[in-house]
Amino acid sequence: MLDIIFVILPIFGLMGLGYFAVLRRLYPAEGVKSLIAFVNNFATPCLLFHSISTSDFRSAFNLSIIGPFYFGAIVCFIVGIIIAQRVFGNRPGESVAVGFSGTFTNTVLVGLPILTRAYGSDALPVTLSIIGLHGAILLTVGMITMELVKRDGQPLGKTLVVAVRRVVSNPLIWGIAAGIIGSLLEIKLIEPAEAFFVMMSQAVVPAALFGIGGALVEFKLSENWKQALVASLIKLILHPAIAYVLMVWVLHVPLEVARYGILLAAMPAGVNIYVFATYYDRGVSVATNTILIATVLSAVTITGWLYILAL
């Protein structure tokens, strides 16, 4: 248990530092978005490229891990929608936004730092194989579902075009695609280029955690906190539980490999749930509350999952 605490403390310590620094105006609030943009648009694509291009990505692409992860995410999406409609009485559009809040994982800003801290670089190939499909699958499913249920929806064809544009224009996808090409062609970087990508990769963890901590300052609890709590519990408990059952009990994936996908499923909701909600102007307060509640609660739930997975 002490080992688990040692894993968690630096992670949430960096988040806490970011939160405290912005709250006390020791770091400019307007600089948080720029810091997160640096992580998402520059540092993480470099990490993705370098990690994938220097590993056997083909062997890491394990459908026995990827399949359960995304099956669990879709189940959580459906469960969230049903609860939002039948328990809280939301309209269809708001229900989809609530369901999406319990579905989309913070794979980059929280997932990567915790996975690498807990399991080292061995976790990266499998983790990155999941991240590579994350936005493409879940954003497309979320946007299509939203357009099908809301009355003022755009034509389905237009929705698909918007979804494809969002995925293709994502620098994370560029880093993944370049890494896969580099791995397949077995490209070897010269020393200065290698050093550049290593240094950029090392910037991801501290910058991401400090940034997400600072971002939490702008999210305040509202009257929709109960719905956000339900969405958070779906994301933090139901998603990894489904992944665990399918990977370990059904598909018999060795736990030392399955734990990468299970722990990634246990990460809190990502900032994209807020982007999704504001894009459609549905369930915005639930999304903001979910980011705050899920991130805070994850300090406890991730500790629990690390214990279950025996670190």
C-alpha atoms as a PDB file:
ATOM      1  CA  MET A   1       0.000   0.000   0.000  1.00  0.00           C
ATOM      2  CA  LEU A   2       2.871   2.348   0.744  1.00  0.00           C
ATOM      3  CA  ASP A   3       4.157   1.822  -2.810  1.00  0.00           C
ATOM      4  CA  ILE A   4       0.776   2.885  -4.189  1.00  0.00           C
ATOM      5  CA  ILE A   5       0.779   6.036  -2.065  1.00  0.00           C
ATOM      6  CA  PHE A   6       4.258   6.867  -3.339  1.00  0.00           C
ATOM      7  CA  VAL A   7       2.958   6.533  -6.913  1.00  0.00           C
ATOM      8  CA  ILE A   8      -0.077   8.729  -6.333  1.00  0.00           C
ATOM      9  CA  LEU A   9       1.405  11.495  -4.171  1.00  0.00           C
ATOM     10  CA  PRO A  10       3.703  13.150  -6.757  1.00  0.00           C
ATOM     11  CA  ILE A  11       0.949  12.987  -9.406  1.00  0.00           C
ATOM     12  CA  PHE A  12      -1.710  14.736  -7.358  1.00  0.00           C
ATOM     13  CA  GLY A  13       0.933  16.878  -5.680  1.00  0.00           C
ATOM     14  CA  LEU A  14       1.701  18.419  -9.078  1.00  0.00           C
ATOM     15  CA  MET A  15      -2.014  18.903  -9.720  1.00  0.00           C
ATOM     16  CA  GLY A  16      -2.387  20.533  -6.321  1.00  0.00           C
ATOM     17  CA  LEU A  17       0.556  22.821  -7.014  1.00  0.00           C
ATOM     18  CA  GLY A  18      -1.054  23.957 -10.267  1.00  0.00           C
ATOM     19  CA  TYR A  19      -4.382  24.546  -8.547  1.00  0.00           C
ATOM     20  CA  PHE A  20      -2.818  26.472  -5.658  1.00  0.00           C
ATOM     21  CA  ALA A  21      -0.587  28.534  -7.960  1.00  0.00           C
ATOM     22  CA  VAL A  22      -3.525  29.695 -10.095  1.00  0.00           C
ATOM     23  CA  LEU A  23      -5.869  30.133  -7.132  1.00  0.00           C
ATOM     24  CA  ARG A  24      -3.343  32.359  -5.346  1.00  0.00           C
ATOM     25  CA  ARG A  25      -2.396  34.107  -8.606  1.00  0.00           C
ATOM     26  CA  LEU A  26       1.170  32.896  -8.425  1.00  0.00           C
ATOM     27  CA  TYR A  27       0.664  31.647 -11.973  1.00  0.00           C
ATOM     28  CA  PRO A  28      -1.576  33.547 -14.450  1.00  0.00           C
ATOM     29  CA  ALA A  29      -4.938  31.881 -15.054  1.00  0.00           C
ATOM     30  CA  GLU A  30      -4.788  32.890 -18.698  1.00  0.00           C
ATOM     31  CA  GLY A  31      -1.553  30.944 -19.027  1.00  0.00           C
ATOM     32  CA  VAL A  32      -3.219  27.607 -18.204  1.00  0.00           C
ATOM     33  CA  LYS A  33      -4.838  27.240 -21.618  1.00  0.00           C
ATOM     34  CA  SER A  34      -1.519  28.011 -23.280  1.00  0.00           C
ATOM     35  CA  LEU A  35       0.256  25.432 -21.132  1.00  0.00           C
ATOM     36  CA  ILE A  36      -2.332  22.755 -21.947  1.00  0.00           C
ATOM     37  CA  ALA A  37      -2.133  23.722 -25.623  1.00  0.00           C
ATOM     38  CA  PHE A  38       1.645  23.188 -25.474  1.00  0.00           C
ATOM     39  CA  VAL A  39       1.112  19.742 -23.954  1.00  0.00           C
ATOM     40  CA  ASN A  40      -1.596  18.688 -26.413  1.00  0.00           C
ATOM     41  CA  ASN A  41      -0.224  20.266 -29.585  1.00  0.00           C
ATOM     42  CA  PHE A  42       3.540  19.915 -29.189  1.00  0.00           C
ATOM     43  CA  ALA A  43       4.924  17.883 -26.270  1.00  0.00           C
ATOM     44  CA  THR A  44       2.519  14.931 -26.373  1.00  0.00           C
ATOM     45  CA  PRO A  45       2.662  14.491 -30.184  1.00  0.00           C
ATOM     46  CA  CYS A  46       6.457  14.307 -29.796  1.00  0.00           C
ATOM     47  CA  LEU A  47       6.040  11.723 -27.023  1.00  0.00           C
ATOM     48  CA  LEU A  48       3.618   9.714 -29.147  1.00  0.00           C
ATOM     49  CA  PHE A  49       5.908   9.796 -32.166  1.00  0.00           C
ATOM     50  CA  HIS A  50       9.027   8.863 -30.236  1.00  0.00           C
ATOM     51  CA  SER A  51       7.421   6.123 -28.144  1.00  0.00           C
ATOM     52  CA  ILE A  52       5.609   4.467 -31.036  1.00  0.00           C
ATOM     53  CA  SER A  53       8.464   4.752 -33.530  1.00  0.00           C
ATOM     54  CA  THR A  54      10.932   3.168 -31.094  1.00  0.00           C
ATOM     55  CA  SER A  55       8.666   0.285 -30.013  1.00  0.00           C
ATOM     56  CA  ASP A  56       7.105  -2.762 -31.630  1.00  0.00           C
ATOM     57  CA  PHE A  57       3.763  -1.089 -32.110  1.00  0.00           C
ATOM     58  CA  ARG A  58       2.273  -4.013 -34.028  1.00  0.00           C
ATOM     59  CA  SER A  59       2.631  -6.367 -31.070  1.00  0.00           C
ATOM     60  CA  ALA A  60       1.229  -3.690 -28.724  1.00  0.00           C
ATOM     61  CA  PHE A  61      -1.970  -3.390 -30.799  1.00  0.00           C
ATOM     62  CA  ASN A  62      -3.857  -5.970 -28.733  1.00  0.00           C
ATOM     63  CA  LEU A  63      -7.571  -6.256 -29.539  1.00  0.00           C
ATOM     64  CA  SER A  64      -8.085  -8.169 -26.284  1.00  0.00           C
ATOM     65  CA  ILE A  65      -7.267  -4.904 -24.481  1.00  0.00           C
ATOM     66  CA  ILE A  66      -8.482  -2.300 -26.958  1.00  0.00           C
ATOM     67  CA  GLY A  67     -11.852  -4.042 -27.506  1.00  0.00           C
ATOM     68  CA  PRO A  68     -12.886  -4.236 -23.824  1.00  0.00           C
ATOM     69  CA  PHE A  69     -11.746  -0.644 -23.227  1.00  0.00           C
ATOM     70  CA  TYR A  70     -14.009   0.741 -25.938  1.00  0.00           C
ATOM     71  CA  PHE A  71     -16.849  -1.697 -25.279  1.00  0.00           C
ATOM     72  CA  GLY A  72     -16.827  -0.443 -21.683  1.00  0.00           C
ATOM     73  CA  ALA A  73     -16.800   3.162 -22.859  1.00  0.00           C
ATOM     74  CA  ILE A  74     -19.843   2.618 -25.094  1.00  0.00           C
ATOM     75  CA  VAL A  75     -21.706   0.824 -22.298  1.00  0.00           C
ATOM     76  CA  CYS A  76     -20.960   3.763 -19.960  1.00  0.00           C
ATOM     77  CA  PHE A  77     -22.230   6.157 -22.638  1.00  0.00           C
ATOM     78  CA  ILE A  78     -25.539   4.281 -22.887  1.00  0.00           C
ATOM     79  CA  VAL A  79     -25.909   3.880 -19.115  1.00  0.00           C
ATOM     80  CA  GLY A  80     -25.241   7.603 -18.603  1.00  0.00           C
ATOM     81  CA  ILE A  81     -27.877   8.559 -21.172  1.00  0.00           C
ATOM     82  CA  ILE A  82     -30.496   6.248 -19.636  1.00  0.00           C
ATOM     83  CA  ILE A  83     -29.866   7.519 -16.085  1.00  0.00           C
ATOM     84  CA  ALA A  84     -29.934  11.146 -17.226  1.00  0.00           C
ATOM     85  CA  GLN A  85     -33.307  10.640 -18.909  1.00  0.00           C
ATOM     86  CA  ARG A  86     -35.099   8.322 -16.495  1.00  0.00           C
ATOM     87  CA  VAL A  87     -33.675   9.440 -13.145  1.00  0.00           C
ATOM     88  CA  PHE A  88     -33.011  13.141 -13.696  1.00  0.00           C
ATOM     89  CA  GLY A  89     -35.640  13.769 -16.371  1.00  0.00           C
ATOM     90  CA  ASN A  90     -33.300  15.397 -18.880  1.00  0.00           C
ATOM     91  CA  ARG A  91     -34.210  16.043 -22.495  1.00  0.00           C
ATOM     92  CA  PRO A  92     -32.499  13.816 -25.105  1.00  0.00           C
ATOM     93  CA  GLY A  93     -29.744  16.313 -25.999  1.00  0.00           C
ATOM     94  CA  GLU A  94     -28.782  16.971 -22.395  1.00  0.00           C
ATOM     95  CA  SER A  95     -28.862  13.232 -21.702  1.00  0.00           C
ATOM     96  CA  VAL A  96     -26.355  12.570 -24.474  1.00  0.00           C
ATOM     97  CA  ALA A  97     -24.044  15.250 -23.058  1.00  0.00           C
ATOM     98  CA  VAL A  98     -24.298  13.674 -19.581  1.00  0.00           C
ATOM     99  CA  GLY A  99     -23.604  10.237 -21.031  1.00  0.00           C
ATOM    100  CA  PHE A 100     -20.587  11.590 -22.863  1.00  0.00           C
ATOM    101  CA  SER A 101     -19.319  13.096 -19.594  1.00  0.00           C
ATOM    102  CA  GLY A 102     -19.083   9.583 -18.154  1.00  0.00           C
ATOM    103  CA  THR A 103     -17.408   8.196 -21.262  1.00  0.00           C
ATOM    104  CA  PHE A 104     -14.501  10.298 -22.502  1.00  0.00           C
ATOM    105  CA  THR A 105     -11.256   9.575 -20.640  1.00  0.00           C
ATOM    106  CA  ASN A 106      -8.509  12.049 -19.808  1.00  0.00           C
ATOM    107  CA  THR A 107      -5.950   9.825 -21.493  1.00  0.00           C
ATOM    108  CA  VAL A 108      -3.215  12.425 -22.050  1.00  0.00           C
ATOM    109  CA  LEU A 109      -3.152  14.956 -19.219  1.00  0.00           C
ATOM    110  CA  VAL A 110      -3.801  12.418 -16.433  1.00  0.00           C
ATOM    111  CA  GLY A 111      -3.634   8.934 -17.957  1.00  0.00           C
ATOM    112  CA  LEU A 112      -0.149   9.055 -19.438  1.00  0.00           C
ATOM    113  CA  PRO A 113       1.514  10.519 -16.325  1.00  0.00           C
ATOM    114  CA  ILE A 114      -0.093   7.996 -13.978  1.00  0.00           C
ATOM    115  CA  LEU A 115       0.512   4.970 -16.229  1.00  0.00           C
ATOM    116  CA  THR A 116       4.181   5.857 -16.714  1.00  0.00           C
ATOM    117  CA  ARG A 117       4.605   6.651 -13.023  1.00  0.00           C
ATOM    118  CA  ALA A 118       3.004   3.362 -11.962  1.00  0.00           C
ATOM    119  CA  TYR A 119       4.368   0.982 -14.591  1.00  0.00           C
ATOM    120  CA  GLY A 120       7.179   2.802 -16.385  1.00  0.00           C
ATOM    121  CA  SER A 121       7.835   2.905 -20.116  1.00  0.00           C
ATOM    122  CA  ASP A 122       6.624  -0.703 -20.514  1.00  0.00           C
ATOM    123  CA  ALA A 123       3.064   0.619 -20.328  1.00  0.00           C
ATOM    124  CA  LEU A 124       3.466   3.078 -23.204  1.00  0.00           C
ATOM    125  CA  PRO A 125       2.979   0.861 -26.298  1.00  0.00           C
ATOM    126  CA  VAL A 126      -0.357  -0.583 -25.113  1.00  0.00           C
ATOM    127  CA  THR A 127      -1.478   2.744 -23.664  1.00  0.00           C
ATOM    128  CA  LEU A 128      -0.695   4.624 -26.859  1.00  0.00           C
ATOM    129  CA  SER A 129      -2.504   2.038 -28.977  1.00  0.00           C
ATOM    130  CA  ILE A 130      -5.682   2.898 -27.022  1.00  0.00           C
ATOM    131  CA  ILE A 131      -5.066   6.649 -27.112  1.00  0.00           C
ATOM    132  CA  GLY A 132      -4.602   6.507 -30.868  1.00  0.00           C
ATOM    133  CA  LEU A 133      -8.235   5.481 -31.358  1.00  0.00           C
ATOM    134  CA  HIS A 134      -9.771   7.370 -28.447  1.00  0.00           C
ATOM    135  CA  GLY A 135     -10.846  10.635 -30.011  1.00  0.00           C
ATOM    136  CA  ALA A 136     -11.673   9.068 -33.358  1.00  0.00           C
ATOM    137  CA  ILE A 137     -14.086   6.519 -31.883  1.00  0.00           C
ATOM    138  CA  LEU A 138     -15.703   8.358 -28.988  1.00  0.00           C
ATOM    139  CA  LEU A 139     -16.066  11.806 -30.547  1.00  0.00           C
ATOM    140  CA  THR A 140     -17.642  10.271 -33.639  1.00  0.00           C
ATOM    141  CA  VAL A 141     -20.059   8.153 -31.576  1.00  0.00           C
ATOM    142  CA  GLY A 142     -20.940  11.119 -29.362  1.00  0.00           C
ATOM    143  CA  MET A 143     -21.503  13.551 -32.213  1.00  0.00           C
ATOM    144  CA  ILE A 144     -23.587  11.141 -34.288  1.00  0.00           C
ATOM    145  CA  THR A 145     -25.740  10.260 -31.268  1.00  0.00           C
ATOM    146  CA  MET A 146     -26.257  13.933 -30.433  1.00  0.00           C
ATOM    147  CA  GLU A 147     -27.279  14.801 -33.970  1.00  0.00           C
ATOM    148  CA  LEU A 148     -29.737  11.907 -34.079  1.00  0.00           C
ATOM    149  CA  VAL A 149     -31.561  12.906 -30.882  1.00  0.00           C
ATOM    150  CA  LYS A 150     -31.639  16.710 -30.823  1.00  0.00           C
ATOM    151  CA  ARG A 151     -34.414  18.379 -32.750  1.00  0.00           C
ATOM    152  CA  ASP A 152     -32.295  21.100 -34.304  1.00  0.00           C
ATOM    153  CA  GLY A 153     -29.689  18.591 -35.478  1.00  0.00           C
ATOM    154  CA  GLN A 154     -27.596  18.977 -38.597  1.00  0.00           C
ATOM    155  CA  PRO A 155     -27.769  16.388 -41.381  1.00  0.00           C
ATOM    156  CA  LEU A 156     -25.906  13.206 -40.451  1.00  0.00           C
ATOM    157  CA  GLY A 157     -23.513  13.605 -43.372  1.00  0.00           C
ATOM    158  CA  LYS A 158     -22.453  17.037 -42.149  1.00  0.00           C
ATOM    159  CA  THR A 159     -21.906  15.642 -38.657  1.00  0.00           C
ATOM    160  CA  LEU A 160     -19.620  12.935 -40.013  1.00  0.00           C
ATOM    161  CA  VAL A 161     -17.619  15.537 -41.925  1.00  0.00           C
ATOM    162  CA  VAL A 162     -17.212  17.660 -38.769  1.00  0.00           C
ATOM    163  CA  ALA A 163     -16.186  14.592 -36.755  1.00  0.00           C
ATOM    164  CA  VAL A 164     -13.590  13.560 -39.342  1.00  0.00           C
ATOM    165  CA  ARG A 165     -12.204  17.107 -39.488  1.00  0.00           C
ATOM    166  CA  ARG A 166     -11.867  17.230 -35.692  1.00  0.00           C
ATOM    167  CA  VAL A 167     -10.008  13.930 -35.661  1.00  0.00           C
ATOM    168  CA  VAL A 168      -7.741  14.639 -38.637  1.00  0.00           C
ATOM    169  CA  SER A 169      -6.819  18.129 -37.380  1.00  0.00           C
ATOM    170  CA  ASN A 170      -5.754  16.789 -33.968  1.00  0.00           C
ATOM    171  CA  PRO A 171      -1.939  16.998 -33.506  1.00  0.00           C
ATOM    172  CA  LEU A 172      -2.108  13.869 -31.344  1.00  0.00           C
ATOM    173  CA  ILE A 173      -3.243  11.932 -34.413  1.00  0.00           C
ATOM    174  CA  TRP A 174      -0.331  13.388 -36.382  1.00  0.00           C
ATOM    175  CA  GLY A 175       2.135  12.172 -33.753  1.00  0.00           C
ATOM    176  CA  ILE A 176       0.568   8.720 -33.703  1.00  0.00           C
ATOM    177  CA  ALA A 177       0.511   8.423 -37.506  1.00  0.00           C
ATOM    178  CA  ALA A 178       4.128   9.582 -37.787  1.00  0.00           C
ATOM    179  CA  GLY A 179       5.154   7.145 -35.058  1.00  0.00           C
ATOM    180  CA  ILE A 180       3.445   4.203 -36.757  1.00  0.00           C
ATOM    181  CA  ILE A 181       5.155   5.070 -40.052  1.00  0.00           C
ATOM    182  CA  GLY A 182       8.493   5.376 -38.265  1.00  0.00           C
ATOM    183  CA  SER A 183       7.964   2.022 -36.556  1.00  0.00           C
ATOM    184  CA  LEU A 184       6.965   0.221 -39.763  1.00  0.00           C
ATOM    185  CA  LEU A 185       9.903   1.699 -41.689  1.00  0.00           C
ATOM    186  CA  GLU A 186      12.245   1.161 -38.711  1.00  0.00           C
ATOM    187  CA  ILE A 187      13.506   4.729 -38.952  1.00  0.00           C
ATOM    188  CA  LYS A 188      16.437   5.559 -36.654  1.00  0.00           C
ATOM    189  CA  LEU A 189      16.799   9.158 -35.521  1.00  0.00           C
ATOM    190  CA  ILE A 190      20.178  10.860 -35.480  1.00  0.00           C
ATOM    191  CA  GLU A 191      21.395  11.923 -32.024  1.00  0.00           C
ATOM    192  CA  PRO A 192      20.292  15.604 -32.058  1.00  0.00           C
ATOM    193  CA  ALA A 193      16.791  14.612 -33.243  1.00  0.00           C
ATOM    194  CA  GLU A 194      16.642  11.818 -30.678  1.00  0.00           C
ATOM    195  CA  ALA A 195      17.626  14.261 -27.909  1.00  0.00           C
ATOM    196  CA  PHE A 196      14.996  16.759 -29.094  1.00  0.00           C
ATOM    197  CA  PHE A 197      12.146  14.236 -28.904  1.00  0.00           C
ATOM    198  CA  VAL A 198      13.350  12.885 -25.562  1.00  0.00           C
ATOM    199  CA  MET A 199      13.384  16.381 -24.039  1.00  0.00           C
ATOM    200  CA  MET A 200       9.933  17.189 -25.426  1.00  0.00           C
ATOM    201  CA  SER A 201       8.621  13.872 -24.109  1.00  0.00           C
ATOM    202  CA  GLN A 202       9.964  14.601 -20.634  1.00  0.00           C
ATOM    203  CA  ALA A 203       7.998  17.855 -20.558  1.00  0.00           C
ATOM    204  CA  VAL A 204       4.633  16.109 -20.828  1.00  0.00           C
ATOM    205  CA  VAL A 205       4.163  14.848 -17.266  1.00  0.00           C
ATOM    206  CA  PRO A 206       4.950  17.975 -15.183  1.00  0.00           C
ATOM    207  CA  ALA A 207       3.338  20.395 -17.642  1.00  0.00           C
ATOM    208  CA  ALA A 208       0.189  18.273 -18.057  1.00  0.00           C
ATOM    209  CA  LEU A 209      -0.383  17.757 -14.342  1.00  0.00           C
ATOM    210  CA  PHE A 210       0.349  21.384 -13.419  1.00  0.00           C
ATOM    211  CA  GLY A 211      -1.945  22.519 -16.236  1.00  0.00           C
ATOM    212  CA  ILE A 212      -4.900  20.306 -15.339  1.00  0.00           C
ATOM    213  CA  GLY A 213      -4.574  21.393 -11.701  1.00  0.00           C
ATOM    214  CA  GLY A 214      -4.652  25.043 -12.719  1.00  0.00           C
ATOM    215  CA  ALA A 215      -7.610  24.427 -15.018  1.00  0.00           C
ATOM    216  CA  LEU A 216      -9.699  23.099 -12.117  1.00  0.00           C
ATOM    217  CA  VAL A 217      -9.820  26.610 -10.620  1.00  0.00           C
ATOM    218  CA  GLU A 218     -12.305  27.764 -13.259  1.00  0.00           C
ATOM    219  CA  PHE A 219     -14.692  24.847 -12.681  1.00  0.00           C
ATOM    220  CA  LYS A 220     -17.164  25.533  -9.870  1.00  0.00           C
ATOM    221  CA  LEU A 221     -19.834  23.288  -8.406  1.00  0.00           C
ATOM    222  CA  SER A 222     -23.365  24.106  -9.556  1.00  0.00           C
ATOM    223  CA  GLU A 223     -26.851  22.779  -8.920  1.00  0.00           C
ATOM    224  CA  ASN A 224     -26.169  19.894 -11.310  1.00  0.00           C
ATOM    225  CA  TRP A 225     -23.523  18.320  -9.091  1.00  0.00           C
ATOM    226  CA  LYS A 226     -25.628  15.189  -8.490  1.00  0.00           C
ATOM    227  CA  GLN A 227     -25.702  14.354 -12.182  1.00  0.00           C
ATOM    228  CA  ALA A 228     -21.994  15.118 -12.397  1.00  0.00           C
ATOM    229  CA  LEU A 229     -21.321  12.797  -9.453  1.00  0.00           C
ATOM    230  CA  VAL A 230     -23.172   9.968 -11.211  1.00  0.00           C
ATOM    231  CA  ALA A 231     -21.232  10.606 -14.431  1.00  0.00           C
ATOM    232  CA  SER A 232     -18.001  10.630 -12.415  1.00  0.00           C
ATOM    233  CA  LEU A 233     -18.770   7.302 -10.737  1.00  0.00           C
ATOM    234  CA  ILE A 234     -19.639   5.772 -14.104  1.00  0.00           C
ATOM    235  CA  LYS A 235     -16.294   6.923 -15.456  1.00  0.00           C
ATOM    236  CA  LEU A 236     -14.146   6.039 -12.432  1.00  0.00           C
ATOM    237  CA  ILE A 237     -15.745   2.746 -11.383  1.00  0.00           C
ATOM    238  CA  LEU A 238     -18.041   1.245 -14.023  1.00  0.00           C
ATOM    239  CA  HIS A 239     -15.716   1.716 -17.009  1.00  0.00           C
ATOM    240  CA  PRO A 240     -12.647   0.052 -15.443  1.00  0.00           C
ATOM    241  CA  ALA A 241     -14.837  -2.640 -13.867  1.00  0.00           C
ATOM    242  CA  ILE A 242     -16.199  -3.633 -17.293  1.00  0.00           C
ATOM    243  CA  ALA A 243     -12.677  -3.567 -18.726  1.00  0.00           C
ATOM    244  CA  TYR A 244     -11.414  -5.743 -15.861  1.00  0.00           C
ATOM    245  CA  VAL A 245     -14.143  -8.371 -16.228  1.00  0.00           C
ATOM    246  CA  LEU A 246     -13.767  -8.639 -19.993  1.00  0.00           C
ATOM    247  CA  MET A 247      -9.970  -8.588 -20.107  1.00  0.00           C
ATOM    248  CA  VAL A 248      -9.182 -10.795 -17.115  1.00  0.00           C
ATOM    249  CA  TRP A 249     -12.210 -13.045 -16.583  1.00  0.00           C
ATOM    250  CA  VAL A 250     -13.536 -13.427 -20.134  1.00  0.00           C
ATOM    251  CA  LEU A 251     -10.517 -13.052 -22.441  1.00  0.00           C
ATOM    252  CA  HIS A 252      -7.925 -14.214 -19.888  1.00  0.00           C
ATOM    253  CA  VAL A 253      -5.414 -11.491 -20.702  1.00  0.00           C
ATOM    254  CA  PRO A 254      -2.474 -11.690 -18.253  1.00  0.00           C
ATOM    255  CA  LEU A 255      -3.023  -9.113 -15.515  1.00  0.00           C
ATOM    256  CA  GLU A 256       0.462  -7.625 -15.962  1.00  0.00           C
ATOM    257  CA  VAL A 257      -0.639  -6.549 -19.460  1.00  0.00           C
ATOM    258  CA  ALA A 258      -4.382  -6.038 -18.912  1.00  0.00           C
ATOM    259  CA  ARG A 259      -3.699  -3.591 -16.071  1.00  0.00           C
ATOM    260  CA  TYR A 260      -2.536  -0.966 -18.568  1.00  0.00           C
ATOM    261  CA  GLY A 261      -5.955  -0.852 -20.236  1.00  0.00           C
ATOM    262  CA  ILE A 262      -7.882  -1.222 -16.986  1.00  0.00           C
ATOM    263  CA  LEU A 263      -6.045   1.598 -15.232  1.00  0.00           C
ATOM    264  CA  LEU A 264      -6.406   3.868 -18.266  1.00  0.00           C
ATOM    265  CA  ALA A 265     -10.167   3.211 -18.152  1.00  0.00           C
ATOM    266  CA  ALA A 266     -10.105   4.316 -14.492  1.00  0.00           C
ATOM    267  CA  MET A 267      -8.866   7.811 -15.335  1.00  0.00           C
ATOM    268  CA  PRO A 268     -11.223  10.790 -14.811  1.00  0.00           C
ATOM    269  CA  ALA A 269     -13.159  12.568 -17.539  1.00  0.00           C
ATOM    270  CA  GLY A 270     -11.178  14.642 -20.013  1.00  0.00           C
ATOM    271  CA  VAL A 271     -11.569  18.310 -20.921  1.00  0.00           C
ATOM    272  CA  ASN A 272     -13.123  17.268 -24.243  1.00  0.00           C
ATOM    273  CA  ILE A 273     -16.426  16.592 -22.473  1.00  0.00           C
ATOM    274  CA  TYR A 274     -16.600  20.355 -21.838  1.00  0.00           C
ATOM    275  CA  VAL A 275     -15.694  21.063 -25.484  1.00  0.00           C
ATOM    276  CA  PHE A 276     -18.421  18.633 -26.590  1.00  0.00           C
ATOM    277  CA  ALA A 277     -21.037  20.168 -24.277  1.00  0.00           C
ATOM    278  CA  THR A 278     -20.278  23.757 -25.299  1.00  0.00           C
ATOM    279  CA  TYR A 279     -20.206  22.825 -28.997  1.00  0.00           C
ATOM    280  CA  TYR A 280     -23.800  21.598 -28.750  1.00  0.00           C
ATOM    281  CA  ASP A 281     -24.825  23.874 -25.855  1.00  0.00           C
ATOM    282  CA  ARG A 282     -26.156  20.861 -23.982  1.00  0.00           C
ATOM    283  CA  GLY A 283     -25.275  19.830 -20.417  1.00  0.00           C
ATOM    284  CA  VAL A 284     -22.453  22.354 -20.026  1.00  0.00           C
ATOM    285  CA  SER A 285     -22.759  22.675 -16.237  1.00  0.00           C
ATOM    286  CA  VAL A 286     -22.791  18.890 -15.834  1.00  0.00           C
ATOM    287  CA  ALA A 287     -19.634  18.598 -17.933  1.00  0.00           C
ATOM    288  CA  THR A 288     -17.748  21.237 -15.934  1.00  0.00           C
ATOM    289  CA  ASN A 289     -18.838  19.698 -12.648  1.00  0.00           C
ATOM    290  CA  THR A 290     -17.841  16.235 -13.848  1.00  0.00           C
ATOM    291  CA  ILE A 291     -14.318  17.389 -14.671  1.00  0.00           C
ATOM    292  CA  LEU A 292     -13.949  18.830 -11.178  1.00  0.00           C
ATOM    293  CA  ILE A 293     -15.602  15.994  -9.223  1.00  0.00           C
ATOM    294  CA  ALA A 294     -14.068  13.140 -11.223  1.00  0.00           C
ATOM    295  CA  THR A 295     -10.552  14.567 -11.013  1.00  0.00           C
ATOM    296  CA  VAL A 296     -10.793  15.048  -7.246  1.00  0.00           C
ATOM    297  CA  LEU A 297     -12.401  11.651  -6.616  1.00  0.00           C
ATOM    298  CA  SER A 298      -9.857   9.926  -8.841  1.00  0.00           C
ATOM    299  CA  ALA A 299      -7.216  10.393  -6.150  1.00  0.00           C
ATOM    300  CA  VAL A 300      -9.164   7.804  -4.134  1.00  0.00           C
ATOM    301  CA  THR A 301     -10.472   5.558  -6.902  1.00  0.00           C
ATOM    302  CA  ILE A 302      -7.148   5.303  -8.754  1.00  0.00           C
ATOM    303  CA  THR A 303      -5.492   4.303  -5.483  1.00  0.00           C
ATOM    304  CA  GLY A 304      -8.128   1.588  -5.148  1.00  0.00           C
ATOM    305  CA  TRP A 305      -7.595   0.320  -8.683  1.00  0.00           C
ATOM    306  CA  LEU A 306      -3.824   0.257  -8.212  1.00  0.00           C
ATOM    307  CA  TYR A 307      -4.397  -1.878  -5.127  1.00  0.00           C
ATOM    308  CA  ILE A 308      -6.752  -4.227  -7.019  1.00  0.00           C
ATOM    309  CA  LEU A 309      -4.269  -4.494  -9.858  1.00  0.00           C
ATOM    310  CA  ALA A 310      -1.476  -5.102  -7.317  1.00  0.00           C
ATOM    311  CA  LEU A 311       0.430  -2.073  -8.662  1.00  0.00           C
END
